[in-house]
Each structure stands twice: as C-alpha cells, then as structure tokens.
Protein backbone atom coordinates (compact mmCIF):
# COMPACT_ATOMS: atom_id res chain seq x y z
CA MET A 1 -9.12 20.81 -18.86
CA GLY A 2 -8.00 19.40 -15.50
CA VAL A 3 -7.56 15.73 -14.71
CA THR A 4 -10.41 13.70 -13.21
CA ARG A 5 -10.28 11.94 -9.87
CA ASP A 6 -9.56 8.57 -11.50
CA GLU A 7 -6.87 10.13 -13.71
CA THR A 8 -5.25 11.64 -10.63
CA TYR A 9 -5.09 8.17 -9.09
CA TRP A 10 -3.86 6.17 -12.08
CA TYR A 11 -1.42 8.79 -13.39
CA ARG A 12 0.07 9.45 -9.95
CA THR A 13 -0.61 7.18 -6.97
CA GLY A 14 -1.43 4.09 -9.05
CA TRP A 15 1.15 4.79 -11.76
CA LYS A 16 3.55 2.01 -10.79
CA ARG A 17 0.77 -0.58 -10.87
CA LEU A 18 -0.54 0.75 -14.18
CA CYS A 19 2.94 0.45 -15.70
CA GLY A 20 3.42 -3.01 -14.23
CA GLN A 21 0.18 -4.32 -15.68
CA THR A 22 1.03 -2.83 -19.07
CA LEU A 23 4.44 -4.52 -19.10
CA THR A 24 2.77 -7.79 -18.13
CA LEU A 25 0.63 -7.42 -21.24
CA VAL A 26 3.60 -6.44 -23.43
CA ARG A 27 6.11 -9.15 -22.50
CA PRO A 28 4.39 -12.15 -24.12
CA MET A 29 4.28 -10.11 -27.35
CA LEU A 30 8.08 -9.87 -27.56
CA PRO A 31 8.83 -13.11 -29.48
CA VAL A 32 6.56 -12.16 -32.39
CA LEU A 33 7.94 -8.61 -32.46
CA ALA A 34 11.54 -9.85 -32.44
CA GLU A 35 10.83 -12.32 -35.25
CA GLU A 36 9.11 -9.69 -37.42
CA MET A 37 11.92 -7.19 -36.82
CA SER A 38 14.31 -9.47 -38.69
CA GLY A 39 12.51 -8.25 -41.81
CA ASP A 40 11.23 -4.66 -41.78
CA PRO A 41 11.77 -3.13 -38.31
CA GLU A 42 9.58 -0.09 -38.99
CA ALA A 43 6.63 -2.18 -40.20
CA ALA A 44 7.16 -4.61 -37.32
CA ALA A 45 7.10 -1.74 -34.81
CA ARG A 46 3.83 -0.38 -36.22
CA ASP A 47 2.22 -3.82 -36.23
CA PHE A 48 3.34 -4.44 -32.66
CA VAL A 49 1.90 -1.13 -31.43
CA ASN A 50 -1.37 -1.83 -33.26
CA ARG A 51 -1.60 -5.28 -31.65
CA LEU A 52 -0.90 -3.73 -28.25
CA ILE A 53 -3.64 -1.13 -28.68
CA GLU A 54 -6.02 -3.83 -29.89
CA SER A 55 -5.22 -5.97 -26.82
CA ILE A 56 -5.89 -3.02 -24.49
CA GLY A 57 -9.18 -2.41 -26.25
CA LYS A 58 -10.19 -6.04 -25.79
CA LEU A 59 -9.40 -5.83 -22.08
CA ILE A 60 -11.61 -2.75 -21.78
CA ASP A 61 -14.38 -4.57 -23.69
CA GLY A 62 -13.98 -7.50 -21.30
CA VAL A 63 -14.50 -5.20 -18.31
CA ILE A 64 -17.64 -3.77 -19.91
CA ASP A 65 -18.99 -7.25 -20.70
CA ASP A 66 -18.36 -8.40 -17.13
CA GLN A 67 -20.03 -5.32 -15.66
CA ILE A 68 -23.08 -5.80 -17.90
CA ALA A 69 -23.27 -9.45 -16.87
CA TYR A 70 -22.64 -8.65 -13.20
CA PRO A 71 -23.92 -5.12 -12.57
CA THR A 72 -23.25 -3.30 -9.32
CA GLU A 73 -25.96 -2.93 -6.70
CA SER A 74 -26.70 0.55 -8.04
CA GLY A 75 -27.14 -0.91 -11.52
CA GLY A 76 -24.54 1.41 -13.01
CA LEU A 77 -21.41 0.71 -15.03
CA HIS A 78 -18.07 1.83 -13.63
CA VAL A 79 -15.76 1.29 -16.58
CA SER A 80 -13.66 4.28 -15.50
CA SER A 81 -12.44 2.21 -12.57
CA SER A 82 -10.58 -0.11 -14.98
CA LEU A 83 -6.92 0.84 -15.25
CA TRP A 84 -6.99 -0.12 -18.95
CA SER A 85 -9.24 2.87 -19.60
CA TYR A 86 -6.27 5.00 -18.55
CA VAL A 87 -3.63 2.97 -20.37
CA LEU A 88 -5.33 3.41 -23.76
CA PRO A 89 -5.01 7.26 -23.93
CA LEU A 90 -1.27 6.90 -23.38
CA PHE A 91 -1.04 5.20 -26.78
CA GLY A 92 -2.97 7.85 -28.71
CA ASP A 93 0.08 9.20 -30.55
CA THR A 94 2.60 6.40 -31.07
CA THR A 95 4.68 7.92 -33.88
CA ASP A 96 7.75 8.46 -31.68
CA LEU A 97 7.34 5.06 -30.01
CA CYS A 98 7.36 3.30 -33.38
CA LYS A 99 10.52 5.18 -34.37
CA LEU A 100 12.27 4.26 -31.11
CA LEU A 101 11.28 0.60 -31.44
CA ALA A 102 12.64 0.46 -34.99
CA GLN A 103 15.86 2.22 -33.95
CA ASP A 104 16.45 -0.29 -31.15
CA ALA A 105 15.63 -3.35 -33.26
CA SER A 106 19.05 -4.87 -32.56
CA LEU A 107 18.41 -4.72 -28.81
CA ILE A 108 14.89 -6.08 -29.07
CA THR A 109 16.03 -8.99 -31.23
CA GLY A 110 19.09 -9.63 -29.07
CA ARG A 111 21.46 -9.12 -32.00
CA THR A 112 23.91 -6.85 -30.22
CA ASN A 113 26.98 -7.05 -28.02
CA ARG A 114 25.37 -4.79 -25.41
CA ASP A 115 24.46 -6.56 -22.17
CA VAL A 116 20.77 -5.59 -22.30
CA PRO A 117 18.17 -8.38 -22.33
CA PRO A 118 15.55 -7.88 -25.10
CA GLU A 119 12.74 -7.89 -22.53
CA ARG A 120 14.34 -5.03 -20.62
CA ALA A 121 15.06 -3.08 -23.79
CA LEU A 122 11.43 -3.33 -24.88
CA GLY A 123 10.14 -2.57 -21.40
CA ARG A 124 12.24 0.58 -21.07
CA LEU A 125 10.99 1.91 -24.41
CA ILE A 126 7.37 1.28 -23.41
CA LEU A 127 7.91 2.98 -20.04
CA GLN A 128 9.71 5.91 -21.65
CA HIS A 129 6.77 6.41 -23.99
CA MET A 130 4.21 6.05 -21.21
CA ASN A 131 5.99 8.57 -18.99
CA SER A 132 6.17 11.08 -21.83
CA ALA A 133 2.50 10.57 -22.68
CA ARG A 134 1.50 10.91 -19.04
CA ARG A 135 3.27 14.26 -18.76
CA SER A 136 1.32 15.58 -21.74
CA ILE A 137 -1.96 14.43 -20.14
CA ASP A 138 -1.34 15.06 -16.48
CA GLY A 139 1.17 17.90 -16.62
CA GLU A 140 3.92 18.57 -14.11
CA SER A 141 4.25 21.71 -12.00
CA PRO A 142 7.49 23.72 -12.51
CA ASN A 143 8.24 23.48 -8.79
CA ARG A 144 7.95 19.70 -8.80
CA LEU A 145 10.23 19.42 -11.82
CA LYS A 146 12.74 21.78 -10.20
CA THR A 147 12.75 19.67 -7.03
CA TRP A 148 13.28 16.49 -9.07
CA GLU A 149 16.22 18.07 -10.88
CA ALA A 150 17.89 18.74 -7.51
CA ILE A 151 17.14 15.20 -6.33
CA GLN A 152 18.46 13.75 -9.59
CA ARG A 153 21.75 15.68 -9.34
CA ILE A 154 22.36 14.37 -5.83
CA SER A 155 21.27 10.86 -6.77
CA SER A 156 23.68 10.84 -9.74
CA GLU A 157 26.50 12.07 -7.50
CA ILE A 158 25.88 9.21 -5.07
CA VAL A 159 25.87 6.69 -7.91
CA ARG A 160 29.17 8.06 -9.28
CA THR A 161 30.93 8.10 -5.92
CA ASN A 162 29.77 4.65 -4.77
CA PRO A 163 30.34 2.28 -7.71
CA GLY A 164 29.44 -1.32 -6.98
CA SER A 165 27.78 -0.41 -3.68
CA SER A 166 24.10 -0.75 -2.79
CA LEU A 167 24.15 3.02 -2.44
CA ALA A 168 24.58 3.19 -6.21
CA GLU A 169 21.33 1.33 -6.83
CA ARG A 170 18.53 3.82 -7.28
CA CYS A 171 15.20 3.06 -5.58
CA THR A 172 16.78 0.98 -2.83
CA ASP A 173 16.27 2.05 0.76
CA SER A 174 20.00 2.69 1.21
CA HIS A 175 20.09 4.98 -1.83
CA LEU A 176 17.03 6.92 -0.68
CA HIS A 177 18.54 7.36 2.82
CA ALA A 178 21.77 8.61 1.26
CA VAL A 179 19.90 11.07 -0.98
CA GLN A 180 17.84 12.33 1.96
CA ALA A 181 20.97 12.87 4.10
CA LEU A 182 22.85 14.70 1.35
CA ILE A 183 19.86 16.91 0.54
CA ALA A 184 19.60 17.88 4.22
CA GLU A 185 23.32 18.69 4.22
CA ARG A 186 23.26 20.72 0.99
CA TYR A 187 19.93 22.51 1.54
CA PRO A 188 19.47 22.79 5.32
CA ASP A 189 17.33 25.93 5.12
CA ASN A 190 15.24 25.09 2.05
CA LYS A 191 11.82 23.81 3.17
CA ASN A 192 11.04 22.61 -0.36
CA TYR A 193 13.82 20.04 -0.06
CA ASN A 194 12.91 18.86 3.45
CA LEU A 195 11.58 15.57 2.09
CA SER A 196 10.48 12.44 3.89
CA LEU A 197 11.55 9.04 2.58
CA GLY A 198 8.01 8.44 1.34
CA THR A 199 8.03 11.69 -0.63
CA LEU A 200 11.45 10.88 -2.07
CA GLN A 201 10.20 7.46 -3.14
CA ALA A 202 7.22 9.11 -4.85
CA TYR A 203 9.56 11.38 -6.84
CA PHE A 204 11.67 8.41 -7.96
CA ASP A 205 8.56 6.39 -8.85
CA GLN A 206 7.27 9.27 -10.94
CA PHE A 207 10.40 10.50 -12.69
CA CYS A 208 13.09 7.80 -12.58
CA LEU A 209 12.81 5.29 -15.42
CA ASP A 210 14.89 2.73 -13.52
CA CYS A 211 12.41 2.82 -10.67
CA ALA A 212 9.48 2.35 -13.00
CA GLU A 213 10.83 -1.10 -13.80
CA ARG A 214 9.16 -3.42 -11.39
CA SER A 215 10.98 -4.89 -8.42
CA GLU A 216 10.20 -8.44 -7.38
CA THR A 217 7.77 -7.07 -4.79
CA ALA A 218 5.97 -4.95 -7.36
CA ILE A 219 5.76 -7.93 -9.70
CA ALA A 220 4.14 -9.97 -6.95
CA ASP A 221 1.76 -7.10 -6.19
CA ASP A 222 0.76 -6.82 -9.85
CA ILE A 223 0.14 -10.54 -10.21
CA THR A 224 -1.87 -10.54 -6.98
CA ALA A 225 -3.91 -7.55 -8.17
CA LEU A 226 -4.60 -9.26 -11.49
CA CYS A 227 -5.71 -12.43 -9.75
CA GLU A 228 -7.97 -10.53 -7.36
CA GLU A 229 -9.59 -8.68 -10.26
CA THR A 230 -10.15 -11.80 -12.36
CA GLY A 231 -10.72 -14.39 -9.65
CA VAL A 232 -8.13 -16.60 -11.37
CA TRP A 233 -5.11 -17.78 -9.40
CA PRO A 234 -2.26 -19.35 -11.38
CA PRO A 235 -0.45 -22.48 -10.10
CA PHE A 236 2.74 -20.81 -8.88
CA GLU A 237 4.29 -24.07 -7.62
CA LEU A 238 3.92 -25.57 -11.09
CA CYS A 239 5.66 -22.55 -12.66
CA LEU A 240 8.42 -22.83 -10.05
CA ASP A 241 8.86 -26.53 -10.86
CA ASN A 242 9.04 -25.70 -14.56
CA LEU A 243 11.68 -23.09 -13.82
CA ARG A 244 13.77 -25.69 -11.98
CA LYS A 245 13.54 -28.05 -14.97
CA ASP A 246 14.57 -25.20 -17.28
CA SER A 247 17.44 -23.88 -15.14
CA GLU A 248 18.58 -25.10 -11.72
CA GLU A 249 20.75 -21.99 -11.35
CA GLN A 250 17.87 -19.58 -11.97
CA TRP A 251 15.63 -21.63 -9.66
CA GLU A 252 18.18 -21.37 -6.84
CA ALA A 253 18.59 -17.63 -7.40
CA THR A 254 14.82 -17.19 -7.14
CA LEU A 255 14.54 -19.13 -3.89
CA ILE A 256 17.43 -17.24 -2.29
CA LYS A 257 16.40 -13.79 -3.48
CA SER A 258 12.75 -14.36 -2.57
CA LYS A 259 13.72 -15.81 0.84
CA ILE A 260 11.43 -18.80 0.45
CA ALA A 261 11.51 -20.49 3.83
CA TYR A 262 11.97 -24.14 2.87
CA ILE A 263 15.14 -23.69 0.84
CA GLU A 264 18.25 -24.77 2.75
CA LEU A 265 20.81 -22.58 1.03
CA GLN A 266 22.98 -19.75 2.23
CA ILE A 267 22.12 -16.10 2.05
CA GLN A 268 22.92 -14.40 -1.23
CA ASP A 269 26.49 -13.29 -0.42
CA ASP A 270 27.45 -16.76 0.87
CA TYR A 271 25.82 -18.44 -2.11
CA GLN A 272 27.74 -16.23 -4.55
CA LYS A 273 31.04 -17.08 -2.84
CA ARG A 274 30.26 -20.80 -2.78
CA LYS A 275 29.34 -20.80 -6.47
CA GLY A 276 32.18 -18.45 -7.44
CA ILE A 277 29.91 -15.98 -9.21
CA SER A 278 29.68 -12.19 -9.07
CA ARG A 279 26.72 -10.25 -7.76
CA HIS A 280 26.05 -9.12 -11.34
CA GLU A 281 25.87 -12.72 -12.54
CA PHE A 282 23.53 -13.64 -9.68
CA GLU A 283 21.20 -10.74 -10.53
CA LYS A 284 21.22 -11.75 -14.21
CA ARG A 285 20.12 -15.25 -13.25
CA TYR A 286 17.38 -13.87 -11.04
CA GLU A 287 16.24 -11.48 -13.76
CA LYS A 288 15.95 -14.33 -16.25
CA ALA A 289 14.06 -16.38 -13.66
CA LEU A 290 11.56 -13.56 -13.15
CA ALA A 291 11.03 -13.30 -16.90
CA PHE A 292 10.37 -17.06 -17.04
CA LEU A 293 7.94 -16.95 -14.10
CA ARG A 294 6.12 -13.88 -15.41
CA HIS A 295 5.61 -15.58 -18.76
CA CYS A 296 4.45 -18.82 -17.12
CA LEU A 297 2.04 -17.07 -14.73
CA SER A 298 0.70 -14.76 -17.41
CA ASN A 299 0.05 -17.65 -19.80
CA SER A 300 -1.63 -19.60 -17.01
CA VAL A 301 -3.97 -16.74 -16.11
CA GLN A 302 -4.82 -16.07 -19.77
CA PHE A 303 -5.48 -19.78 -20.40
CA GLN A 304 -7.76 -20.10 -17.38
CA LEU A 305 -9.63 -16.92 -18.31
CA LEU A 306 -10.18 -18.11 -21.90
CA ARG A 307 -11.26 -21.54 -20.68
CA GLY A 308 -13.68 -19.90 -18.25
CA ARG A 309 -15.20 -17.71 -20.98
CA SER A 310 -15.61 -20.65 -23.37
CA SER A 311 -17.23 -22.94 -20.81
C-alpha cells in the first residue's frame, strides 16, 4: 500500500522537524534511563522505550482532546495533521532499538573514555532507529539510493582530504558546494547527478545521520513550531540567565555562536584566540549550552502546559 499525503510530508519534507520534536521529547528522559542502566541495561532499555511510546500516545491523546474541545469550522477532527501520529508507527518494532541501547549503555551513562556526550549517543541511536523504520514504511527507490551512494563517496573523500576544515563538516554550505563541484567534475554528462544545492541538502537530510542531528537553527525552528502549536512561549531570557549562572563559558559561547546583537565580544575565531581554546573546545561548550537551554525551555513549556490544563 502506498503512503498517504500526510505520510509523504512527514516522512520526507517534514522529516527533520519530526526528528527534532522527537529528540526534544527524548532528551529529558535521559537521566532516568542512565540511572536505571547502572543496574540491568536491557531492562532499562525496554522500560525507556515503553515510556517513550507512552509519552507519544499521551501527546496524540492531547491533540484529540484539544480538537474535541476546539473543533474546526467544518466540525471534523484532523488528528492526522499531528506529527505525533506519524512518530508512533516508527516505534512499532523496537526490538533492535532496545538491543542497541543496551549495547551502548556505557555511552548513555557517560562511563566511557570516548568523547561522546550521553545526550548525543542517545540521540544518534534514536535517529538511527527512526531512519530505519521510515525506510520500511516509506521505501526508497533504487535510483535514489544509487544517487546517494555516489554523493556519499564524494562527501567522504572531501572529509578525508580536508581534515579540520569547514569543508570536512557535512551539512555545511561549504561542504555542499564542494560536493556539488566535485560531482559536476566527476560526472559532467550524467543528468542524474546534475543536482542543485537544495536537492543535495535534501539527500543529506534524508540519508546522513549527522545531518539529522539538529543545528542551532533547526532547534530554534522546532521550539518555535512547538510554541506556535501550543500557544505557550517559554521565558528564553530566564533560561539564558540560568545558563550564565551555571557556566559563564557556555553562556559566552552561546552569545557568540548565535550572534546575539548586544554581546560585546569578538567573533568566534578571535574569541578562541583570546581565550586560548581550540575550535573543538568552543563547539563542546556550545553543545553543552544548547543541551542546557533545550532542557530549560522544554521544562518551561511542559510546566506551563500542565498548569494551563489544571487551571
């Protein structure tokens, strides 16, 4: 059976947003998962997945309740428009996901020498599972997969030959331009590989796990979308102030990276030189800051929603 119109949107065009919202739901669940994994990782993984599925179900129920309370002009329910209705089928068969979570318990709990934050380790496993589940639902044409394989080979070559450069960072504009130029050079007569930057970006969004992890822009888009859907706007300034109290270094990295106008600090390269830190260290600080802000904003939205429902 073919995919519906809504499935076509959420499993293709809206895929990045769907993944982003799912990760926003998953991240606050990490502390409990990490604590439980210190005992029986397999049982902890199963319990975590069950809690996740239950949370998705509650979100769908919330959409239904709201649409019953506030019906559309036509009087009909449009539950299919909720992205959560398309997240839930992705977690129909979670056997492999539970195994992967248990296998990576050391990463998720942070008890490893590998430089992988637990939040990223968990997020990558969730995205890996979601991408696999999507392929089984949506399907991929052989031609599209063949084209991606060619793109991936060239992308990997650029990463290998430009270590430490922005060209080596997949999903950046400079990397996409480099891929496009090398494809045109290698396959000048192949119309299938005559790809625009927008088409290239779509391939990376669909197939590249690194690109599925949200950039700061995508995070902002997801939070904005959530606020627009719920009518609840979290106090960002308060979260930013809390970040500064928690870590001045992470606060500065956020202001510089986000180019907030009122901050009187140098651009990123100058700041790194002045502080004597590497680009990698700067990005680690910024990554931790984003995790802090996501958690703060998510908790704020959830608190306001619960307060609104109870009043």
